[in-house]
Amino acid sequence: MPEYDTKTRGKIKIPATKKERVQSWREKKKKEGGKSLNVWLDVKAVEQLDALLDRYPRENKSSMMAFAIKTLFEQETTA
């Protein structure tokens, strides 16, 4: 990553390309214990996910799916 010298923040590293930004983001998520998954959903599940995202505009697909898994897990383990 290129390093830039700023007047207010000193030297900072900024990814130069989209590829480097994505790679940096993935490495950060991996260090936090996350795992990348490729998931195929049926049409109905996609429609339901989109409807939930319309209801909760601050959420994204990843956070919404994590919430759904957490909720189902809690229901199944406390019953």
PDB file of N, CA and C in Angstrom:
ATOM      1  N   MET A   1       0.839  -1.178   0.000  1.00  0.00           N
ATOM      2  CA  MET A   1       0.000   0.000   0.000  1.00  0.00           C
ATOM      3  C   MET A   1       0.883   1.241   0.000  1.00  0.00           C
ATOM      4  N   PRO A   2       0.493   2.218  -0.773  1.00  0.00           N
ATOM      5  CA  PRO A   2       1.256   3.462  -0.764  1.00  0.00           C
ATOM      6  C   PRO A   2       1.077   4.189   0.564  1.00  0.00           C
ATOM      7  N   GLU A   3       2.086   4.940   0.930  1.00  0.00           N
ATOM      8  CA  GLU A   3       2.046   5.708   2.164  1.00  0.00           C
ATOM      9  C   GLU A   3       2.041   7.189   1.813  1.00  0.00           C
ATOM     10  N   TYR A   4       1.153   7.942   2.469  1.00  0.00           N
ATOM     11  CA  TYR A   4       1.037   9.370   2.217  1.00  0.00           C
ATOM     12  C   TYR A   4       1.325  10.138   3.492  1.00  0.00           C
ATOM     13  N   ASP A   5       2.017  11.254   3.353  1.00  0.00           N
ATOM     14  CA  ASP A   5       2.321  12.111   4.499  1.00  0.00           C
ATOM     15  C   ASP A   5       1.298  13.246   4.512  1.00  0.00           C
ATOM     16  N   THR A   6       0.466  13.266   5.554  1.00  0.00           N
ATOM     17  CA  THR A   6      -0.558  14.295   5.653  1.00  0.00           C
ATOM     18  C   THR A   6      -0.154  15.340   6.692  1.00  0.00           C
ATOM     19  N   LYS A   7      -0.715  16.516   6.568  1.00  0.00           N
ATOM     20  CA  LYS A   7      -0.393  17.587   7.516  1.00  0.00           C
ATOM     21  C   LYS A   7      -1.023  17.326   8.882  1.00  0.00           C
ATOM     22  N   THR A   8      -2.205  16.766   8.909  1.00  0.00           N
ATOM     23  CA  THR A   8      -2.914  16.616  10.176  1.00  0.00           C
ATOM     24  C   THR A   8      -2.760  15.243  10.821  1.00  0.00           C
ATOM     25  N   ARG A   9      -2.572  14.204  10.031  1.00  0.00           N
ATOM     26  CA  ARG A   9      -2.538  12.847  10.593  1.00  0.00           C
ATOM     27  C   ARG A   9      -1.184  12.163  10.463  1.00  0.00           C
ATOM     28  N   GLY A  10      -0.208  12.830   9.935  1.00  0.00           N
ATOM     29  CA  GLY A  10       1.089  12.199   9.734  1.00  0.00           C
ATOM     30  C   GLY A  10       1.038  11.232   8.572  1.00  0.00           C
ATOM     31  N   LYS A  11       1.868  10.198   8.649  1.00  0.00           N
ATOM     32  CA  LYS A  11       1.914   9.219   7.560  1.00  0.00           C
ATOM     33  C   LYS A  11       0.762   8.230   7.700  1.00  0.00           C
ATOM     34  N   ILE A  12       0.050   8.036   6.607  1.00  0.00           N
ATOM     35  CA  ILE A  12      -1.044   7.069   6.584  1.00  0.00           C
ATOM     36  C   ILE A  12      -0.908   6.195   5.339  1.00  0.00           C
ATOM     37  N   LYS A  13      -1.374   4.952   5.474  1.00  0.00           N
ATOM     38  CA  LYS A  13      -1.358   4.026   4.341  1.00  0.00           C
ATOM     39  C   LYS A  13      -2.750   3.978   3.746  1.00  0.00           C
ATOM     40  N   ILE A  14      -2.822   4.125   2.432  1.00  0.00           N
ATOM     41  CA  ILE A  14      -4.095   4.089   1.722  1.00  0.00           C
ATOM     42  C   ILE A  14      -3.987   3.077   0.583  1.00  0.00           C
ATOM     43  N   PRO A  15      -4.902   2.100   0.550  1.00  0.00           N
ATOM     44  CA  PRO A  15      -4.872   1.165  -0.578  1.00  0.00           C
ATOM     45  C   PRO A  15      -5.020   1.913  -1.900  1.00  0.00           C
ATOM     46  N   ALA A  16      -4.207   1.555  -2.850  1.00  0.00           N
ATOM     47  CA  ALA A  16      -4.182   2.284  -4.119  1.00  0.00           C
ATOM     48  C   ALA A  16      -5.270   1.826  -5.085  1.00  0.00           C
ATOM     49  N   THR A  17      -5.647   0.583  -5.005  1.00  0.00           N
ATOM     50  CA  THR A  17      -6.606   0.068  -5.971  1.00  0.00           C
ATOM     51  C   THR A  17      -7.782  -0.599  -5.258  1.00  0.00           C
ATOM     52  N   LYS A  18      -8.849  -0.822  -5.999  1.00  0.00           N
ATOM     53  CA  LYS A  18     -10.013  -1.514  -5.431  1.00  0.00           C
ATOM     54  C   LYS A  18      -9.604  -2.904  -4.964  1.00  0.00           C
ATOM     55  N   LYS A  19      -8.772  -3.563  -5.736  1.00  0.00           N
ATOM     56  CA  LYS A  19      -8.318  -4.908  -5.381  1.00  0.00           C
ATOM     57  C   LYS A  19      -7.592  -4.900  -4.039  1.00  0.00           C
ATOM     58  N   GLU A  20      -6.726  -3.911  -3.821  1.00  0.00           N
ATOM     59  CA  GLU A  20      -6.004  -3.816  -2.550  1.00  0.00           C
ATOM     60  C   GLU A  20      -6.949  -3.490  -1.388  1.00  0.00           C
ATOM     61  N   ARG A  21      -7.938  -2.634  -1.643  1.00  0.00           N
ATOM     62  CA  ARG A  21      -8.912  -2.305  -0.588  1.00  0.00           C
ATOM     63  C   ARG A  21      -9.706  -3.534  -0.181  1.00  0.00           C
ATOM     64  N   VAL A  22     -10.148  -4.301  -1.164  1.00  0.00           N
ATOM     65  CA  VAL A  22     -10.919  -5.516  -0.889  1.00  0.00           C
ATOM     66  C   VAL A  22     -10.043  -6.520  -0.145  1.00  0.00           C
ATOM     67  N   GLN A  23      -8.809  -6.679  -0.576  1.00  0.00           N
ATOM     68  CA  GLN A  23      -7.897  -7.616   0.070  1.00  0.00           C
ATOM     69  C   GLN A  23      -7.656  -7.201   1.528  1.00  0.00           C
ATOM     70  N   SER A  24      -7.469  -5.918   1.755  1.00  0.00           N
ATOM     71  CA  SER A  24      -7.258  -5.406   3.114  1.00  0.00           C
ATOM     72  C   SER A  24      -8.491  -5.655   3.975  1.00  0.00           C
ATOM     73  N   TRP A  25      -9.680  -5.414   3.425  1.00  0.00           N
ATOM     74  CA  TRP A  25     -10.938  -5.634   4.147  1.00  0.00           C
ATOM     75  C   TRP A  25     -11.101  -7.105   4.493  1.00  0.00           C
ATOM     76  N   ARG A  26     -10.796  -7.996   3.543  1.00  0.00           N
ATOM     77  CA  ARG A  26     -10.917  -9.441   3.787  1.00  0.00           C
ATOM     78  C   ARG A  26      -9.941  -9.902   4.864  1.00  0.00           C
ATOM     79  N   GLU A  27      -8.715  -9.381   4.828  1.00  0.00           N
ATOM     80  CA  GLU A  27      -7.729  -9.744   5.844  1.00  0.00           C
ATOM     81  C   GLU A  27      -8.182  -9.281   7.227  1.00  0.00           C
ATOM     82  N   LYS A  28      -8.758  -8.093   7.306  1.00  0.00           N
ATOM     83  CA  LYS A  28      -9.259  -7.569   8.578  1.00  0.00           C
ATOM     84  C   LYS A  28     -10.368  -8.467   9.111  1.00  0.00           C
ATOM     85  N   LYS A  29     -11.332  -8.823   8.245  1.00  0.00           N
ATOM     86  CA  LYS A  29     -12.429  -9.688   8.655  1.00  0.00           C
ATOM     87  C   LYS A  29     -11.911 -11.058   9.118  1.00  0.00           C
ATOM     88  N   LYS A  30     -10.915 -11.588   8.424  1.00  0.00           N
ATOM     89  CA  LYS A  30     -10.349 -12.886   8.780  1.00  0.00           C
ATOM     90  C   LYS A  30      -9.667 -12.815  10.144  1.00  0.00           C
ATOM     91  N   LYS A  31      -8.919 -11.743  10.401  1.00  0.00           N
ATOM     92  CA  LYS A  31      -8.263 -11.568  11.694  1.00  0.00           C
ATOM     93  C   LYS A  31      -9.279 -11.462  12.821  1.00  0.00           C
ATOM     94  N   GLU A  32     -10.459 -10.926  12.516  1.00  0.00           N
ATOM     95  CA  GLU A  32     -11.532 -10.813  13.513  1.00  0.00           C
ATOM     96  C   GLU A  32     -12.265 -12.133  13.716  1.00  0.00           C
ATOM     97  N   GLY A  33     -11.858 -13.168  12.990  1.00  0.00           N
ATOM     98  CA  GLY A  33     -12.463 -14.492  13.149  1.00  0.00           C
ATOM     99  C   GLY A  33     -13.559 -14.803  12.152  1.00  0.00           C
ATOM    100  N   GLY A  34     -13.796 -13.919  11.211  1.00  0.00           N
ATOM    101  CA  GLY A  34     -14.840 -14.138  10.216  1.00  0.00           C
ATOM    102  C   GLY A  34     -14.434 -15.150   9.159  1.00  0.00           C
ATOM    103  N   LYS A  35     -15.404 -15.581   8.394  1.00  0.00           N
ATOM    104  CA  LYS A  35     -15.158 -16.541   7.315  1.00  0.00           C
ATOM    105  C   LYS A  35     -16.026 -16.169   6.129  1.00  0.00           C
ATOM    106  N   SER A  36     -15.444 -16.162   4.968  1.00  0.00           N
ATOM    107  CA  SER A  36     -16.163 -15.857   3.735  1.00  0.00           C
ATOM    108  C   SER A  36     -16.954 -17.084   3.291  1.00  0.00           C
ATOM    109  N   LEU A  37     -18.227 -16.859   2.954  1.00  0.00           N
ATOM    110  CA  LEU A  37     -19.077 -17.948   2.470  1.00  0.00           C
ATOM    111  C   LEU A  37     -19.751 -17.535   1.172  1.00  0.00           C
ATOM    112  N   ASN A  38     -19.914 -18.482   0.274  1.00  0.00           N
ATOM    113  CA  ASN A  38     -20.657 -18.269  -0.959  1.00  0.00           C
ATOM    114  C   ASN A  38     -21.949 -19.060  -0.812  1.00  0.00           C
ATOM    115  N   VAL A  39     -23.090 -18.376  -0.793  1.00  0.00           N
ATOM    116  CA  VAL A  39     -24.364 -19.022  -0.498  1.00  0.00           C
ATOM    117  C   VAL A  39     -25.343 -18.819  -1.642  1.00  0.00           C
ATOM    118  N   TRP A  40     -26.002 -19.903  -2.050  1.00  0.00           N
ATOM    119  CA  TRP A  40     -27.085 -19.819  -3.036  1.00  0.00           C
ATOM    120  C   TRP A  40     -28.397 -19.913  -2.286  1.00  0.00           C
ATOM    121  N   LEU A  41     -29.286 -18.952  -2.512  1.00  0.00           N
ATOM    122  CA  LEU A  41     -30.603 -18.952  -1.886  1.00  0.00           C
ATOM    123  C   LEU A  41     -31.674 -19.166  -2.943  1.00  0.00           C
ATOM    124  N   ASP A  42     -32.765 -19.823  -2.535  1.00  0.00           N
ATOM    125  CA  ASP A  42     -33.864 -19.969  -3.491  1.00  0.00           C
ATOM    126  C   ASP A  42     -34.578 -18.622  -3.647  1.00  0.00           C
ATOM    127  N   VAL A  43     -35.432 -18.521  -4.628  1.00  0.00           N
ATOM    128  CA  VAL A  43     -36.099 -17.267  -4.981  1.00  0.00           C
ATOM    129  C   VAL A  43     -36.854 -16.688  -3.790  1.00  0.00           C
ATOM    130  N   LYS A  44     -37.591 -17.537  -3.075  1.00  0.00           N
ATOM    131  CA  LYS A  44     -38.397 -17.067  -1.934  1.00  0.00           C
ATOM    132  C   LYS A  44     -37.502 -16.491  -0.835  1.00  0.00           C
ATOM    133  N   ALA A  45     -36.394 -17.154  -0.544  1.00  0.00           N
ATOM    134  CA  ALA A  45     -35.473 -16.663   0.483  1.00  0.00           C
ATOM    135  C   ALA A  45     -34.860 -15.319   0.086  1.00  0.00           C
ATOM    136  N   VAL A  46     -34.554 -15.147  -1.199  1.00  0.00           N
ATOM    137  CA  VAL A  46     -34.016 -13.871  -1.685  1.00  0.00           C
ATOM    138  C   VAL A  46     -35.063 -12.771  -1.519  1.00  0.00           C
ATOM    139  N   GLU A  47     -36.301 -13.079  -1.865  1.00  0.00           N
ATOM    140  CA  GLU A  47     -37.385 -12.095  -1.714  1.00  0.00           C
ATOM    141  C   GLU A  47     -37.560 -11.707  -0.248  1.00  0.00           C
ATOM    142  N   GLN A  48     -37.499 -12.697   0.635  1.00  0.00           N
ATOM    143  CA  GLN A  48     -37.647 -12.423   2.066  1.00  0.00           C
ATOM    144  C   GLN A  48     -36.481 -11.597   2.596  1.00  0.00           C
ATOM    145  N   LEU A  49     -35.281 -11.928   2.173  1.00  0.00           N
ATOM    146  CA  LEU A  49     -34.105 -11.155   2.582  1.00  0.00           C
ATOM    147  C   LEU A  49     -34.214  -9.715   2.097  1.00  0.00           C
ATOM    148  N   ASP A  50     -34.604  -9.531   0.846  1.00  0.00           N
ATOM    149  CA  ASP A  50     -34.768  -8.178   0.303  1.00  0.00           C
ATOM    150  C   ASP A  50     -35.837  -7.391   1.055  1.00  0.00           C
ATOM    151  N   ALA A  51     -36.940  -8.066   1.427  1.00  0.00           N
ATOM    152  CA  ALA A  51     -37.999  -7.391   2.185  1.00  0.00           C
ATOM    153  C   ALA A  51     -37.492  -6.953   3.560  1.00  0.00           C
ATOM    154  N   LEU A  52     -36.713  -7.797   4.203  1.00  0.00           N
ATOM    155  CA  LEU A  52     -36.135  -7.426   5.498  1.00  0.00           C
ATOM    156  C   LEU A  52     -35.157  -6.270   5.358  1.00  0.00           C
ATOM    157  N   LEU A  53     -34.375  -6.282   4.304  1.00  0.00           N
ATOM    158  CA  LEU A  53     -33.417  -5.191   4.084  1.00  0.00           C
ATOM    159  C   LEU A  53     -34.131  -3.875   3.798  1.00  0.00           C
ATOM    160  N   ASP A  54     -35.299  -3.934   3.158  1.00  0.00           N
ATOM    161  CA  ASP A  54     -36.100  -2.724   2.952  1.00  0.00           C
ATOM    162  C   ASP A  54     -36.612  -2.186   4.291  1.00  0.00           C
ATOM    163  N   ARG A  55     -36.964  -3.101   5.191  1.00  0.00           N
ATOM    164  CA  ARG A  55     -37.458  -2.712   6.517  1.00  0.00           C
ATOM    165  C   ARG A  55     -36.363  -2.174   7.418  1.00  0.00           C
ATOM    166  N   TYR A  56     -35.153  -2.690   7.242  1.00  0.00           N
ATOM    167  CA  TYR A  56     -34.004  -2.309   8.068  1.00  0.00           C
ATOM    168  C   TYR A  56     -32.888  -1.770   7.167  1.00  0.00           C
ATOM    169  N   PRO A  57     -33.029  -0.538   6.686  1.00  0.00           N
ATOM    170  CA  PRO A  57     -32.085  -0.009   5.690  1.00  0.00           C
ATOM    171  C   PRO A  57     -30.644   0.161   6.186  1.00  0.00           C
ATOM    172  N   ARG A  58     -30.442   0.185   7.487  1.00  0.00           N
ATOM    173  CA  ARG A  58     -29.074   0.321   8.005  1.00  0.00           C
ATOM    174  C   ARG A  58     -28.309  -0.997   7.994  1.00  0.00           C
ATOM    175  N   GLU A  59     -29.017  -2.082   7.783  1.00  0.00           N
ATOM    176  CA  GLU A  59     -28.387  -3.409   7.760  1.00  0.00           C
ATOM    177  C   GLU A  59     -27.934  -3.756   6.345  1.00  0.00           C
ATOM    178  N   ASN A  60     -27.068  -4.756   6.260  1.00  0.00           N
ATOM    179  CA  ASN A  60     -26.665  -5.286   4.959  1.00  0.00           C
ATOM    180  C   ASN A  60     -26.934  -6.790   4.958  1.00  0.00           C
ATOM    181  N   LYS A  61     -26.723  -7.428   3.831  1.00  0.00           N
ATOM    182  CA  LYS A  61     -27.044  -8.854   3.713  1.00  0.00           C
ATOM    183  C   LYS A  61     -26.287  -9.687   4.737  1.00  0.00           C
ATOM    184  N   SER A  62     -25.028  -9.369   4.930  1.00  0.00           N
ATOM    185  CA  SER A  62     -24.215 -10.132   5.867  1.00  0.00           C
ATOM    186  C   SER A  62     -24.737 -10.021   7.294  1.00  0.00           C
ATOM    187  N   SER A  63     -24.997  -8.793   7.740  1.00  0.00           N
ATOM    188  CA  SER A  63     -25.472  -8.620   9.115  1.00  0.00           C
ATOM    189  C   SER A  63     -26.873  -9.202   9.297  1.00  0.00           C
ATOM    190  N   MET A  64     -27.712  -9.104   8.279  1.00  0.00           N
ATOM    191  CA  MET A  64     -29.064  -9.647   8.374  1.00  0.00           C
ATOM    192  C   MET A  64     -29.025 -11.175   8.469  1.00  0.00           C
ATOM    193  N   MET A  65     -28.180 -11.810   7.685  1.00  0.00           N
ATOM    194  CA  MET A  65     -28.076 -13.269   7.734  1.00  0.00           C
ATOM    195  C   MET A  65     -27.463 -13.720   9.060  1.00  0.00           C
ATOM    196  N   ALA A  66     -26.480 -12.979   9.562  1.00  0.00           N
ATOM    197  CA  ALA A  66     -25.884 -13.315  10.856  1.00  0.00           C
ATOM    198  C   ALA A  66     -26.931 -13.206  11.961  1.00  0.00           C
ATOM    199  N   PHE A  67     -27.772 -12.169  11.903  1.00  0.00           N
ATOM    200  CA  PHE A  67     -28.834 -11.995  12.889  1.00  0.00           C
ATOM    201  C   PHE A  67     -29.827 -13.153  12.821  1.00  0.00           C
ATOM    202  N   ALA A  68     -30.195 -13.561  11.620  1.00  0.00           N
ATOM    203  CA  ALA A  68     -31.141 -14.670  11.452  1.00  0.00           C
ATOM    204  C   ALA A  68     -30.569 -15.964  12.027  1.00  0.00           C
ATOM    205  N   ILE A  69     -29.305 -16.224  11.775  1.00  0.00           N
ATOM    206  CA  ILE A  69     -28.663 -17.440  12.294  1.00  0.00           C
ATOM    207  C   ILE A  69     -28.598 -17.392  13.815  1.00  0.00           C
ATOM    208  N   LYS A  70     -28.200 -16.240  14.352  1.00  0.00           N
ATOM    209  CA  LYS A  70     -28.116 -16.076  15.808  1.00  0.00           C
ATOM    210  C   LYS A  70     -29.482 -16.283  16.455  1.00  0.00           C
ATOM    211  N   THR A  71     -30.518 -15.689  15.872  1.00  0.00           N
ATOM    212  CA  THR A  71     -31.871 -15.804  16.418  1.00  0.00           C
ATOM    213  C   THR A  71     -32.354 -17.250  16.394  1.00  0.00           C
ATOM    214  N   LEU A  72     -32.183 -17.928  15.285  1.00  0.00           N
ATOM    215  CA  LEU A  72     -32.590 -19.325  15.179  1.00  0.00           C
ATOM    216  C   LEU A  72     -31.801 -20.199  16.162  1.00  0.00           C
ATOM    217  N   PHE A  73     -30.514 -19.949  16.268  1.00  0.00           N
ATOM    218  CA  PHE A  73     -29.676 -20.731  17.185  1.00  0.00           C
ATOM    219  C   PHE A  73     -30.160 -20.546  18.623  1.00  0.00           C
ATOM    220  N   GLU A  74     -30.450 -19.303  19.011  1.00  0.00           N
ATOM    221  CA  GLU A  74     -30.924 -19.033  20.364  1.00  0.00           C
ATOM    222  C   GLU A  74     -32.262 -19.715  20.630  1.00  0.00           C
ATOM    223  N   GLN A  75     -33.167 -19.683  19.643  1.00  0.00           N
ATOM    224  CA  GLN A  75     -34.454 -20.340  19.800  1.00  0.00           C
ATOM    225  C   GLN A  75     -34.291 -21.853  19.974  1.00  0.00           C
ATOM    226  N   GLU A  76     -33.396 -22.440  19.187  1.00  0.00           N
ATOM    227  CA  GLU A  76     -33.218 -23.886  19.206  1.00  0.00           C
ATOM    228  C   GLU A  76     -32.468 -24.364  20.456  1.00  0.00           C
ATOM    229  N   THR A  77     -31.605 -23.555  21.005  1.00  0.00           N
ATOM    230  CA  THR A  77     -30.795 -24.005  22.155  1.00  0.00           C
ATOM    231  C   THR A  77     -31.417 -23.658  23.502  1.00  0.00           C
ATOM    232  N   THR A  78     -32.424 -22.776  23.505  1.00  0.00           N
ATOM    233  CA  THR A  78     -33.074 -22.431  24.772  1.00  0.00           C
ATOM    234  C   THR A  78     -34.420 -23.127  24.937  1.00  0.00           C
ATOM    235  N   ALA A  79     -34.844 -23.838  23.921  1.00  0.00           N
ATOM    236  CA  ALA A  79     -36.166 -24.507  23.986  1.00  0.00           C
ATOM    237  C   ALA A  79     -36.105 -25.809  24.743  1.00  0.00           C
TER     238      ALA A  79
END
